[in-house]
Amino acid sequence: MSDIIHIALVQADLIWEDESANLKKFDRLLQQIAPETEIVVLPEMFATGFTMNVEKFDKPVGRQAFEWLQKKATELDKIITGSLLTGENGKYYNRMFWMRPDGSFEYYDKRHLFQMGGEDKVMTSGKRKVFVEYKNRCFQLQICYDLRFPVWSKNNYDKSTDTYDFDAIIYIANWPESRKQAYMSLLKARAVENQSFVIWVNRVGVDAKDIEHSGDSQIITPQGNVLVKATAGKEEIINYKLDFSVVDELRKNFKVGLDWDKFKIF
């Protein structure tokens, strides 16, 4: 089990409904990733912005961005995670990929669709939690609005094996600045209640609906402390050496998992 994992948070402005332009932008931005980086985190729907206009894109929707993601992970020899507007079997998903350098991948479909933004009218809701492993550390994949639903991100502790579901939650987002206070509070709550790191990557800039995003991409400790945070409103990359011994030490000294409620969804 590794204590240290190098991670890069890519806080970027997104070009509305222009896959090619966004992918070229990320080609440039990813040149700034530290060489030792092992996991790269991109924002929600990084190739299109948070659009529901699926008819504007070539079919199958998301294929171009998926192929770019697969190629880029191989080229950089790093895991890359981020979500794409994805079409499959006549349905559409806000799908978060965990793309490995060898081209293999896992994916998570956003569970909580944002009805106030019409996401539920276009996208199909995910039905499963997804945990991915790297160096024997486990990450839970989550997208934006999922942050408001703590049951969906609930960690579990197995006393018989002294193991937890995950060591960190990765949240990627297109969350507006107007509701910034909500995510700034909820991110800390998710970290503390799950005794895990929380990794947050949000977009910046103004989208086609004149909605402003300040980003505030950050990493939060299991105690609810902000380890590192991007400059609000600025396109920026955070390269950070994440030390998981912090998680181990807290769980060893304060094993609140012993008293967690036991329940499952699905």
C-alpha atoms as a PDB file:
ATOM      1  CA  MET A   1       0.000   0.000   0.000  1.00  0.00           C
ATOM      2  CA  SER A   2       1.491   3.330  -1.052  1.00  0.00           C
ATOM      3  CA  ASP A   3       1.457   6.417   1.160  1.00  0.00           C
ATOM      4  CA  ILE A   4       2.361   8.914  -1.578  1.00  0.00           C
ATOM      5  CA  ILE A   5       0.455   9.520  -4.821  1.00  0.00           C
ATOM      6  CA  HIS A   6       1.191  12.505  -7.081  1.00  0.00           C
ATOM      7  CA  ILE A   7      -1.963  14.137  -8.401  1.00  0.00           C
ATOM      8  CA  ALA A   8      -2.689  17.048 -10.741  1.00  0.00           C
ATOM      9  CA  LEU A   9      -5.898  19.103 -10.562  1.00  0.00           C
ATOM     10  CA  VAL A  10      -6.682  20.876 -13.830  1.00  0.00           C
ATOM     11  CA  GLN A  11      -8.915  23.920 -13.263  1.00  0.00           C
ATOM     12  CA  ALA A  12      -9.880  25.210 -16.702  1.00  0.00           C
ATOM     13  CA  ASP A  13     -12.273  27.417 -18.606  1.00  0.00           C
ATOM     14  CA  LEU A  14     -14.373  25.424 -21.098  1.00  0.00           C
ATOM     15  CA  ILE A  15     -15.344  26.402 -24.627  1.00  0.00           C
ATOM     16  CA  TRP A  16     -19.084  25.937 -25.038  1.00  0.00           C
ATOM     17  CA  GLU A  17     -20.088  22.965 -27.200  1.00  0.00           C
ATOM     18  CA  ASP A  18     -16.766  22.829 -29.074  1.00  0.00           C
ATOM     19  CA  GLU A  19     -15.126  19.449 -28.550  1.00  0.00           C
ATOM     20  CA  SER A  20     -12.182  20.042 -30.863  1.00  0.00           C
ATOM     21  CA  ALA A  21     -11.294  23.386 -29.293  1.00  0.00           C
ATOM     22  CA  ASN A  22     -11.528  22.004 -25.763  1.00  0.00           C
ATOM     23  CA  LEU A  23      -9.379  18.994 -26.578  1.00  0.00           C
ATOM     24  CA  LYS A  24      -6.731  21.259 -28.118  1.00  0.00           C
ATOM     25  CA  LYS A  25      -6.868  23.413 -24.994  1.00  0.00           C
ATOM     26  CA  PHE A  26      -6.276  20.389 -22.755  1.00  0.00           C
ATOM     27  CA  ASP A  27      -3.447  19.272 -25.033  1.00  0.00           C
ATOM     28  CA  ARG A  28      -1.742  22.548 -24.109  1.00  0.00           C
ATOM     29  CA  LEU A  29      -2.697  22.547 -20.439  1.00  0.00           C
ATOM     30  CA  LEU A  30      -1.511  19.009 -19.809  1.00  0.00           C
ATOM     31  CA  GLN A  31       1.974  20.020 -20.925  1.00  0.00           C
ATOM     32  CA  GLN A  32       2.167  21.766 -17.532  1.00  0.00           C
ATOM     33  CA  ILE A  33       1.595  18.572 -15.552  1.00  0.00           C
ATOM     34  CA  ALA A  34       4.537  17.700 -13.303  1.00  0.00           C
ATOM     35  CA  PRO A  35       6.525  14.714 -14.672  1.00  0.00           C
ATOM     36  CA  GLU A  36       5.976  12.693 -11.490  1.00  0.00           C
ATOM     37  CA  THR A  37       2.173  13.050 -11.724  1.00  0.00           C
ATOM     38  CA  GLU A  38       0.310   9.745 -11.543  1.00  0.00           C
ATOM     39  CA  ILE A  39      -3.361  10.855 -11.625  1.00  0.00           C
ATOM     40  CA  VAL A  40      -4.744  13.828 -13.592  1.00  0.00           C
ATOM     41  CA  VAL A  41      -8.216  15.172 -12.728  1.00  0.00           C
ATOM     42  CA  LEU A  42     -10.224  17.173 -15.292  1.00  0.00           C
ATOM     43  CA  PRO A  43     -13.563  18.991 -14.772  1.00  0.00           C
ATOM     44  CA  GLU A  44     -17.061  17.660 -15.423  1.00  0.00           C
ATOM     45  CA  MET A  45     -17.974  17.476 -19.147  1.00  0.00           C
ATOM     46  CA  PHE A  46     -14.580  18.940 -19.983  1.00  0.00           C
ATOM     47  CA  ALA A  47     -14.976  18.496 -23.752  1.00  0.00           C
ATOM     48  CA  THR A  48     -18.311  20.314 -24.186  1.00  0.00           C
ATOM     49  CA  GLY A  49     -19.251  22.310 -21.114  1.00  0.00           C
ATOM     50  CA  PHE A  50     -22.452  21.479 -19.219  1.00  0.00           C
ATOM     51  CA  THR A  51     -24.726  21.332 -22.261  1.00  0.00           C
ATOM     52  CA  MET A  52     -27.765  19.168 -22.924  1.00  0.00           C
ATOM     53  CA  ASN A  53     -27.784  19.942 -26.664  1.00  0.00           C
ATOM     54  CA  VAL A  54     -26.853  16.415 -27.711  1.00  0.00           C
ATOM     55  CA  GLU A  55     -28.079  16.960 -31.273  1.00  0.00           C
ATOM     56  CA  LYS A  56     -25.195  19.375 -31.920  1.00  0.00           C
ATOM     57  CA  PHE A  57     -22.564  16.645 -31.754  1.00  0.00           C
ATOM     58  CA  ASP A  58     -21.453  13.965 -34.197  1.00  0.00           C
ATOM     59  CA  LYS A  59     -22.700  10.458 -33.500  1.00  0.00           C
ATOM     60  CA  PRO A  60     -21.815   8.484 -31.505  1.00  0.00           C
ATOM     61  CA  VAL A  61     -21.772  11.381 -29.064  1.00  0.00           C
ATOM     62  CA  GLY A  62     -18.570  11.519 -27.042  1.00  0.00           C
ATOM     63  CA  ARG A  63     -16.515   9.221 -29.286  1.00  0.00           C
ATOM     64  CA  GLN A  64     -14.016  11.908 -30.310  1.00  0.00           C
ATOM     65  CA  ALA A  65     -13.377  12.954 -26.706  1.00  0.00           C
ATOM     66  CA  PHE A  66     -13.174   9.344 -25.499  1.00  0.00           C
ATOM     67  CA  GLU A  67     -10.542   8.512 -28.112  1.00  0.00           C
ATOM     68  CA  TRP A  68      -8.590  11.633 -27.152  1.00  0.00           C
ATOM     69  CA  LEU A  69      -8.754  10.639 -23.479  1.00  0.00           C
ATOM     70  CA  GLN A  70      -7.508   7.133 -24.209  1.00  0.00           C
ATOM     71  CA  LYS A  71      -4.683   8.406 -26.412  1.00  0.00           C
ATOM     72  CA  LYS A  72      -3.657  11.126 -23.951  1.00  0.00           C
ATOM     73  CA  ALA A  73      -3.478   8.744 -20.983  1.00  0.00           C
ATOM     74  CA  THR A  74      -1.185   6.480 -23.006  1.00  0.00           C
ATOM     75  CA  GLU A  75       0.907   9.359 -24.317  1.00  0.00           C
ATOM     76  CA  LEU A  76       1.437  10.865 -20.846  1.00  0.00           C
ATOM     77  CA  ASP A  77       1.647   7.478 -19.104  1.00  0.00           C
ATOM     78  CA  LYS A  78      -0.788   8.691 -16.438  1.00  0.00           C
ATOM     79  CA  ILE A  79      -4.292   7.947 -15.238  1.00  0.00           C
ATOM     80  CA  ILE A  80      -6.709  10.665 -16.386  1.00  0.00           C
ATOM     81  CA  THR A  81     -10.196  11.109 -14.977  1.00  0.00           C
ATOM     82  CA  GLY A  82     -12.967  13.472 -16.045  1.00  0.00           C
ATOM     83  CA  SER A  83     -16.505  13.218 -17.437  1.00  0.00           C
ATOM     84  CA  LEU A  84     -17.835  13.303 -20.976  1.00  0.00           C
ATOM     85  CA  LEU A  85     -21.235  13.714 -22.585  1.00  0.00           C
ATOM     86  CA  THR A  86     -21.613  10.130 -23.805  1.00  0.00           C
ATOM     87  CA  GLY A  87     -24.172   8.461 -26.058  1.00  0.00           C
ATOM     88  CA  GLU A  88     -24.771   4.718 -25.890  1.00  0.00           C
ATOM     89  CA  ASN A  89     -27.628   2.556 -27.167  1.00  0.00           C
ATOM     90  CA  GLY A  90     -29.917   5.538 -27.700  1.00  0.00           C
ATOM     91  CA  LYS A  91     -29.319   6.959 -24.221  1.00  0.00           C
ATOM     92  CA  TYR A  92     -27.060   9.744 -22.952  1.00  0.00           C
ATOM     93  CA  TYR A  93     -24.912   9.853 -19.853  1.00  0.00           C
ATOM     94  CA  ASN A  94     -22.751  12.278 -17.919  1.00  0.00           C
ATOM     95  CA  ARG A  95     -20.020   9.641 -17.722  1.00  0.00           C
ATOM     96  CA  MET A  96     -16.861   9.942 -15.641  1.00  0.00           C
ATOM     97  CA  PHE A  97     -13.969   7.869 -16.972  1.00  0.00           C
ATOM     98  CA  TRP A  98     -10.966   6.549 -15.055  1.00  0.00           C
ATOM     99  CA  MET A  99      -8.627   6.044 -17.997  1.00  0.00           C
ATOM    100  CA  ARG A 100      -5.400   4.106 -17.470  1.00  0.00           C
ATOM    101  CA  PRO A 101      -2.219   4.419 -19.580  1.00  0.00           C
ATOM    102  CA  ASP A 102      -2.754   0.950 -21.069  1.00  0.00           C
ATOM    103  CA  GLY A 103      -6.126   2.027 -22.506  1.00  0.00           C
ATOM    104  CA  SER A 104      -8.239   0.116 -19.994  1.00  0.00           C
ATOM    105  CA  PHE A 105     -10.809   2.077 -18.039  1.00  0.00           C
ATOM    106  CA  GLU A 106     -13.602   2.165 -15.495  1.00  0.00           C
ATOM    107  CA  TYR A 107     -16.554   4.542 -15.661  1.00  0.00           C
ATOM    108  CA  TYR A 108     -19.161   6.066 -13.387  1.00  0.00           C
ATOM    109  CA  ASP A 109     -22.466   7.485 -14.629  1.00  0.00           C
ATOM    110  CA  LYS A 110     -23.671  10.493 -12.643  1.00  0.00           C
ATOM    111  CA  ARG A 111     -26.334   9.355 -10.219  1.00  0.00           C
ATOM    112  CA  HIS A 112     -27.962  12.658  -9.233  1.00  0.00           C
ATOM    113  CA  LEU A 113     -29.058  14.532 -12.338  1.00  0.00           C
ATOM    114  CA  PHE A 114     -29.616  18.269 -11.961  1.00  0.00           C
ATOM    115  CA  GLN A 115     -33.332  18.674 -12.659  1.00  0.00           C
ATOM    116  CA  MET A 116     -33.191  22.467 -12.307  1.00  0.00           C
ATOM    117  CA  GLY A 117     -30.810  22.482 -15.272  1.00  0.00           C
ATOM    118  CA  GLY A 118     -32.817  19.986 -17.321  1.00  0.00           C
ATOM    119  CA  GLU A 119     -30.153  17.282 -17.041  1.00  0.00           C
ATOM    120  CA  ASP A 120     -32.757  14.665 -16.124  1.00  0.00           C
ATOM    121  CA  LYS A 121     -34.624  15.328 -19.402  1.00  0.00           C
ATOM    122  CA  VAL A 122     -31.617  14.247 -21.480  1.00  0.00           C
ATOM    123  CA  MET A 123     -29.299  12.099 -19.384  1.00  0.00           C
ATOM    124  CA  THR A 124     -29.870   8.673 -17.874  1.00  0.00           C
ATOM    125  CA  SER A 125     -29.076   8.355 -14.172  1.00  0.00           C
ATOM    126  CA  GLY A 126     -26.342   5.997 -13.004  1.00  0.00           C
ATOM    127  CA  LYS A 127     -27.332   3.055 -10.812  1.00  0.00           C
ATOM    128  CA  ARG A 128     -24.048   2.023  -9.217  1.00  0.00           C
ATOM    129  CA  LYS A 129     -21.340   3.354  -6.976  1.00  0.00           C
ATOM    130  CA  VAL A 130     -17.881   3.078  -8.482  1.00  0.00           C
ATOM    131  CA  PHE A 131     -14.616   2.571  -6.608  1.00  0.00           C
ATOM    132  CA  VAL A 132     -11.287   2.435  -8.417  1.00  0.00           C
ATOM    133  CA  GLU A 133      -7.903   1.379  -7.112  1.00  0.00           C
ATOM    134  CA  TYR A 134      -4.405   2.665  -7.626  1.00  0.00           C
ATOM    135  CA  LYS A 135      -1.399   1.511  -5.582  1.00  0.00           C
ATOM    136  CA  ASN A 136      -3.846  -0.248  -3.257  1.00  0.00           C
ATOM    137  CA  ARG A 137      -5.564   3.055  -2.475  1.00  0.00           C
ATOM    138  CA  CYS A 138      -9.256   3.289  -3.280  1.00  0.00           C
ATOM    139  CA  PHE A 139     -11.018   6.291  -4.819  1.00  0.00           C
ATOM    140  CA  GLN A 140     -14.757   6.870  -5.137  1.00  0.00           C
ATOM    141  CA  LEU A 141     -15.850   8.665  -8.325  1.00  0.00           C
ATOM    142  CA  GLN A 142     -18.537  11.366  -8.013  1.00  0.00           C
ATOM    143  CA  ILE A 143     -19.849  14.209 -10.179  1.00  0.00           C
ATOM    144  CA  CYS A 144     -20.925  17.717  -9.139  1.00  0.00           C
ATOM    145  CA  TYR A 145     -24.542  17.552  -7.837  1.00  0.00           C
ATOM    146  CA  ASP A 146     -23.747  14.191  -6.174  1.00  0.00           C
ATOM    147  CA  LEU A 147     -21.988  16.269  -3.514  1.00  0.00           C
ATOM    148  CA  ARG A 148     -25.358  17.283  -2.029  1.00  0.00           C
ATOM    149  CA  PHE A 149     -26.346  13.663  -1.277  1.00  0.00           C
ATOM    150  CA  PRO A 150     -24.213  12.234   1.544  1.00  0.00           C
ATOM    151  CA  VAL A 151     -25.837   8.789   1.553  1.00  0.00           C
ATOM    152  CA  TRP A 152     -24.493   8.194  -1.975  1.00  0.00           C
ATOM    153  CA  SER A 153     -20.910   8.921  -0.895  1.00  0.00           C
ATOM    154  CA  LYS A 154     -21.146   7.100   2.438  1.00  0.00           C
ATOM    155  CA  ASN A 155     -18.015   5.178   3.398  1.00  0.00           C
ATOM    156  CA  ASN A 156     -18.253   1.779   5.076  1.00  0.00           C
ATOM    157  CA  TYR A 157     -15.934   0.089   7.544  1.00  0.00           C
ATOM    158  CA  ASP A 158     -15.539  -3.669   7.887  1.00  0.00           C
ATOM    159  CA  LYS A 159     -14.294  -4.483  11.383  1.00  0.00           C
ATOM    160  CA  SER A 160     -13.474  -8.103  10.532  1.00  0.00           C
ATOM    161  CA  THR A 161     -10.933  -7.059   7.885  1.00  0.00           C
ATOM    162  CA  ASP A 162     -10.184  -3.533   9.162  1.00  0.00           C
ATOM    163  CA  THR A 163     -10.929  -2.101   5.702  1.00  0.00           C
ATOM    164  CA  TYR A 164     -12.835   0.865   4.275  1.00  0.00           C
ATOM    165  CA  ASP A 165     -14.643   1.297   0.958  1.00  0.00           C
ATOM    166  CA  PHE A 166     -12.403   4.183  -0.063  1.00  0.00           C
ATOM    167  CA  ASP A 167      -9.579   6.509   0.978  1.00  0.00           C
ATOM    168  CA  ALA A 168     -10.516   9.519  -1.173  1.00  0.00           C
ATOM    169  CA  ILE A 169     -13.520  10.891  -3.055  1.00  0.00           C
ATOM    170  CA  ILE A 170     -12.945  12.652  -6.376  1.00  0.00           C
ATOM    171  CA  TYR A 171     -15.616  15.233  -7.221  1.00  0.00           C
ATOM    172  CA  ILE A 172     -15.539  16.880 -10.650  1.00  0.00           C
ATOM    173  CA  ALA A 173     -17.884  19.767 -11.366  1.00  0.00           C
ATOM    174  CA  ASN A 174     -19.425  22.603 -13.376  1.00  0.00           C
ATOM    175  CA  TRP A 175     -20.752  24.251 -10.186  1.00  0.00           C
ATOM    176  CA  PRO A 176     -21.667  27.970 -10.395  1.00  0.00           C
ATOM    177  CA  GLU A 177     -20.036  30.617  -8.242  1.00  0.00           C
ATOM    178  CA  SER A 178     -23.494  31.775  -7.112  1.00  0.00           C
ATOM    179  CA  ARG A 179     -23.773  28.570  -5.054  1.00  0.00           C
ATOM    180  CA  LYS A 180     -20.151  28.527  -3.982  1.00  0.00           C
ATOM    181  CA  GLN A 181     -20.911  28.662  -0.274  1.00  0.00           C
ATOM    182  CA  ALA A 182     -22.755  25.355  -0.538  1.00  0.00           C
ATOM    183  CA  TYR A 183     -19.903  23.372  -2.023  1.00  0.00           C
ATOM    184  CA  MET A 184     -17.284  24.995   0.190  1.00  0.00           C
ATOM    185  CA  SER A 185     -19.189  23.673   3.220  1.00  0.00           C
ATOM    186  CA  LEU A 186     -20.252  20.323   1.792  1.00  0.00           C
ATOM    187  CA  LEU A 187     -16.760  19.342   0.636  1.00  0.00           C
ATOM    188  CA  LYS A 188     -15.470  19.577   4.194  1.00  0.00           C
ATOM    189  CA  ALA A 189     -18.479  17.655   5.505  1.00  0.00           C
ATOM    190  CA  ARG A 190     -17.910  14.787   3.044  1.00  0.00           C
ATOM    191  CA  ALA A 191     -14.241  14.582   4.082  1.00  0.00           C
ATOM    192  CA  VAL A 192     -14.915  14.549   7.813  1.00  0.00           C
ATOM    193  CA  GLU A 193     -17.880  12.174   7.801  1.00  0.00           C
ATOM    194  CA  ASN A 194     -16.070   9.633   5.608  1.00  0.00           C
ATOM    195  CA  GLN A 195     -12.591  10.003   7.128  1.00  0.00           C
ATOM    196  CA  SER A 196     -11.183  10.406   3.643  1.00  0.00           C
ATOM    197  CA  PHE A 197      -9.503  12.938   1.403  1.00  0.00           C
ATOM    198  CA  VAL A 198     -11.824  14.949  -0.844  1.00  0.00           C
ATOM    199  CA  ILE A 199     -10.453  16.040  -4.214  1.00  0.00           C
ATOM    200  CA  TRP A 200     -12.502  18.731  -5.974  1.00  0.00           C
ATOM    201  CA  VAL A 201     -11.968  19.970  -9.546  1.00  0.00           C
ATOM    202  CA  ASN A 202     -14.396  22.596 -10.820  1.00  0.00           C
ATOM    203  CA  ARG A 203     -14.344  24.654 -14.011  1.00  0.00           C
ATOM    204  CA  VAL A 204     -13.822  28.414 -14.224  1.00  0.00           C
ATOM    205  CA  GLY A 205     -15.171  31.017 -16.644  1.00  0.00           C
ATOM    206  CA  VAL A 206     -18.595  32.071 -17.924  1.00  0.00           C
ATOM    207  CA  ASP A 207     -20.632  29.614 -19.974  1.00  0.00           C
ATOM    208  CA  ALA A 208     -23.075  30.319 -22.813  1.00  0.00           C
ATOM    209  CA  LYS A 209     -25.883  30.849 -20.303  1.00  0.00           C
ATOM    210  CA  ASP A 210     -23.880  33.642 -18.612  1.00  0.00           C
ATOM    211  CA  ILE A 211     -23.295  31.454 -15.565  1.00  0.00           C
ATOM    212  CA  GLU A 212     -20.016  32.232 -13.824  1.00  0.00           C
ATOM    213  CA  HIS A 213     -17.783  29.589 -12.249  1.00  0.00           C
ATOM    214  CA  SER A 214     -14.984  30.336  -9.795  1.00  0.00           C
ATOM    215  CA  GLY A 215     -13.497  26.839  -9.686  1.00  0.00           C
ATOM    216  CA  ASP A 216     -12.027  26.725  -6.167  1.00  0.00           C
ATOM    217  CA  SER A 217     -10.435  23.358  -7.009  1.00  0.00           C
ATOM    218  CA  GLN A 218      -8.883  21.925  -3.862  1.00  0.00           C
ATOM    219  CA  ILE A 219      -7.858  18.966  -1.737  1.00  0.00           C
ATOM    220  CA  ILE A 220      -9.314  18.560   1.761  1.00  0.00           C
ATOM    221  CA  THR A 221      -7.991  16.346   4.551  1.00  0.00           C
ATOM    222  CA  PRO A 222     -10.120  13.873   6.542  1.00  0.00           C
ATOM    223  CA  GLN A 223     -10.105  16.472   9.347  1.00  0.00           C
ATOM    224  CA  GLY A 224     -11.724  19.034   7.029  1.00  0.00           C
ATOM    225  CA  ASN A 225      -8.626  21.168   6.445  1.00  0.00           C
ATOM    226  CA  VAL A 226      -7.825  22.575   3.000  1.00  0.00           C
ATOM    227  CA  LEU A 227      -4.412  21.264   1.958  1.00  0.00           C
ATOM    228  CA  VAL A 228      -4.137  23.192  -1.285  1.00  0.00           C
ATOM    229  CA  LYS A 229      -6.528  25.365  -3.320  1.00  0.00           C
ATOM    230  CA  ALA A 230      -6.467  26.900  -6.787  1.00  0.00           C
ATOM    231  CA  THR A 231      -6.901  30.614  -7.322  1.00  0.00           C
ATOM    232  CA  ALA A 232     -10.594  31.437  -7.688  1.00  0.00           C
ATOM    233  CA  GLY A 233     -11.586  32.318 -11.234  1.00  0.00           C
ATOM    234  CA  LYS A 234      -8.192  31.506 -12.732  1.00  0.00           C
ATOM    235  CA  GLU A 235      -7.203  28.753 -15.118  1.00  0.00           C
ATOM    236  CA  GLU A 236      -4.622  26.876 -13.088  1.00  0.00           C
ATOM    237  CA  ILE A 237      -3.033  23.479 -12.481  1.00  0.00           C
ATOM    238  CA  ILE A 238      -2.258  22.185  -9.008  1.00  0.00           C
ATOM    239  CA  ASN A 239       0.482  19.562  -8.829  1.00  0.00           C
ATOM    240  CA  TYR A 240       0.382  17.950  -5.390  1.00  0.00           C
ATOM    241  CA  LYS A 241       2.018  15.070  -3.519  1.00  0.00           C
ATOM    242  CA  LEU A 242      -0.812  13.461  -1.569  1.00  0.00           C
ATOM    243  CA  ASP A 243       0.259  11.595   1.569  1.00  0.00           C
ATOM    244  CA  PHE A 244      -2.273   8.901   2.501  1.00  0.00           C
ATOM    245  CA  SER A 245      -0.589   8.189   5.834  1.00  0.00           C
ATOM    246  CA  VAL A 246      -2.737  11.109   7.065  1.00  0.00           C
ATOM    247  CA  VAL A 247      -5.838   8.980   6.461  1.00  0.00           C
ATOM    248  CA  ASP A 248      -4.305   5.899   8.071  1.00  0.00           C
ATOM    249  CA  GLU A 249      -3.214   7.791  11.165  1.00  0.00           C
ATOM    250  CA  LEU A 250      -6.608   9.395  11.746  1.00  0.00           C
ATOM    251  CA  ARG A 251      -8.462   6.116  11.320  1.00  0.00           C
ATOM    252  CA  LYS A 252      -6.062   4.385  13.685  1.00  0.00           C
ATOM    253  CA  ASN A 253      -6.390   7.006  16.443  1.00  0.00           C
ATOM    254  CA  PHE A 254     -10.087   7.845  16.025  1.00  0.00           C
ATOM    255  CA  LYS A 255     -11.951   4.878  14.559  1.00  0.00           C
ATOM    256  CA  VAL A 256     -15.358   6.453  14.182  1.00  0.00           C
ATOM    257  CA  GLY A 257     -16.122   3.804  11.560  1.00  0.00           C
ATOM    258  CA  LEU A 258     -16.902   1.420  14.398  1.00  0.00           C
ATOM    259  CA  ASP A 259     -20.091   3.414  15.034  1.00  0.00           C
ATOM    260  CA  TRP A 260     -21.139   4.213  11.471  1.00  0.00           C
ATOM    261  CA  ASP A 261     -24.658   3.173  10.528  1.00  0.00           C
ATOM    262  CA  LYS A 262     -24.779   0.094   8.340  1.00  0.00           C
ATOM    263  CA  PHE A 263     -26.799   0.409   5.147  1.00  0.00           C
ATOM    264  CA  LYS A 264     -26.530  -0.134   1.413  1.00  0.00           C
ATOM    265  CA  ILE A 265     -28.121   1.412  -1.657  1.00  0.00           C
ATOM    266  CA  PHE A 266     -29.067  -1.018  -4.445  1.00  0.00           C
END
